[in-house]
């Protein structure tokens, strides 16, 4: 499939606009949060103290899930490769 220069230009425009919209959404959420959380209290202090352990456990969870998915994908690829080799008589 060959894309015309017009189609490529339209894709660049669409990707640029969607990226800008995502960035503006993040900035607006941060601005709203900064406006609403203007004073500290016991709940905010608790959340601040809890943020690093959540980050660490989240990182361990994401790493283990991605490792498991990569292992399953490699096992499925090996099974597919062996079935194709049997089919081809190799």
Protein backbone atom coordinates (compact mmCIF):
# COMPACT_ATOMS: atom_id res chain seq x y z
CA UNK A 1 0.00 0.00 0.00
CA UNK A 2 1.52 3.26 -1.14
CA UNK A 3 0.43 6.39 0.68
CA UNK A 4 0.21 9.70 -1.12
CA UNK A 5 1.92 12.78 0.23
CA UNK A 6 -1.52 14.24 1.02
CA UNK A 7 -2.38 11.20 3.18
CA UNK A 8 0.97 11.37 4.98
CA UNK A 9 0.48 15.10 5.61
CA UNK A 10 -3.02 14.45 7.00
CA UNK A 11 -1.60 11.74 9.28
CA UNK A 12 1.03 14.19 10.58
CA UNK A 13 -1.67 16.77 11.27
CA UNK A 14 -3.92 14.24 13.04
CA UNK A 15 -1.05 12.88 15.15
CA UNK A 16 0.10 16.39 16.04
CA UNK A 17 -3.38 17.46 17.07
CA UNK A 18 -4.01 14.33 19.14
CA UNK A 19 -0.64 14.68 20.87
CA UNK A 20 -1.33 18.35 21.61
CA UNK A 21 -4.78 17.48 22.95
CA UNK A 22 -3.28 14.84 25.26
CA UNK A 23 -0.65 17.28 26.53
CA UNK A 24 -3.25 19.99 27.15
CA UNK A 25 -5.46 17.47 28.96
CA UNK A 26 -2.58 16.54 31.29
CA UNK A 27 -1.80 20.21 31.95
CA UNK A 28 -5.45 21.01 32.67
CA UNK A 29 -5.77 18.07 35.10
CA UNK A 30 -2.59 19.20 36.87
CA UNK A 31 -3.86 22.78 37.04
CA UNK A 32 -7.22 21.67 38.42
CA UNK A 33 -5.52 19.48 41.03
CA UNK A 34 -3.18 22.30 42.07
CA UNK A 35 -6.15 24.63 42.44
CA UNK A 36 -8.19 22.15 44.51
CA UNK A 37 -5.30 20.95 46.69
CA UNK A 38 -4.14 24.28 48.01
CA UNK A 39 -3.70 23.36 51.68
CA UNK A 40 -2.07 20.43 53.39
CA UNK A 41 -3.89 18.17 55.77
CA UNK A 42 -3.58 14.71 57.27
CA UNK A 43 -5.06 13.00 54.20
CA UNK A 44 -2.71 14.77 51.80
CA UNK A 45 0.30 14.02 54.01
CA UNK A 46 -0.74 10.35 54.13
CA UNK A 47 -1.03 10.22 50.34
CA UNK A 48 2.38 11.86 49.96
CA UNK A 49 3.98 9.30 52.27
CA UNK A 50 2.21 6.46 50.44
CA UNK A 51 3.17 7.55 46.92
CA UNK A 52 6.68 6.03 46.86
CA UNK A 53 5.67 2.53 48.10
CA UNK A 54 2.84 2.51 45.54
CA UNK A 55 5.37 3.44 42.84
CA UNK A 56 7.77 0.66 43.89
CA UNK A 57 5.10 -2.06 44.09
CA UNK A 58 3.55 -0.86 40.82
CA UNK A 59 6.96 -1.13 39.15
CA UNK A 60 7.43 -4.69 40.43
CA UNK A 61 3.94 -5.65 39.26
CA UNK A 62 4.39 -4.17 35.78
CA UNK A 63 7.81 -5.80 35.39
CA UNK A 64 6.53 -9.23 36.42
CA UNK A 65 3.46 -9.02 34.17
CA UNK A 66 5.54 -7.93 31.17
CA UNK A 67 8.06 -10.71 31.81
CA UNK A 68 5.27 -13.27 32.01
CA UNK A 69 3.69 -12.01 28.79
CA UNK A 70 7.06 -12.10 27.02
CA UNK A 71 7.62 -15.68 28.23
CA UNK A 72 4.18 -16.78 27.01
CA UNK A 73 4.76 -15.08 23.66
CA UNK A 74 8.12 -16.81 23.21
CA UNK A 75 6.61 -20.19 24.12
CA UNK A 76 3.79 -19.68 21.61
CA UNK A 77 6.30 -18.63 18.95
CA UNK A 78 8.37 -21.77 19.59
CA UNK A 79 5.25 -23.95 19.33
CA UNK A 80 4.24 -22.26 16.09
CA UNK A 81 7.76 -22.65 14.72
CA UNK A 82 7.88 -26.36 15.55
CA UNK A 83 4.43 -26.95 14.02
CA UNK A 84 5.50 -25.16 10.84
CA UNK A 85 8.69 -27.21 10.67
CA UNK A 86 6.67 -30.42 11.04
CA UNK A 87 4.32 -29.26 8.32
CA UNK A 88 7.22 -28.49 5.98
CA UNK A 89 8.89 -31.80 6.79
CA UNK A 90 12.02 -30.29 8.31
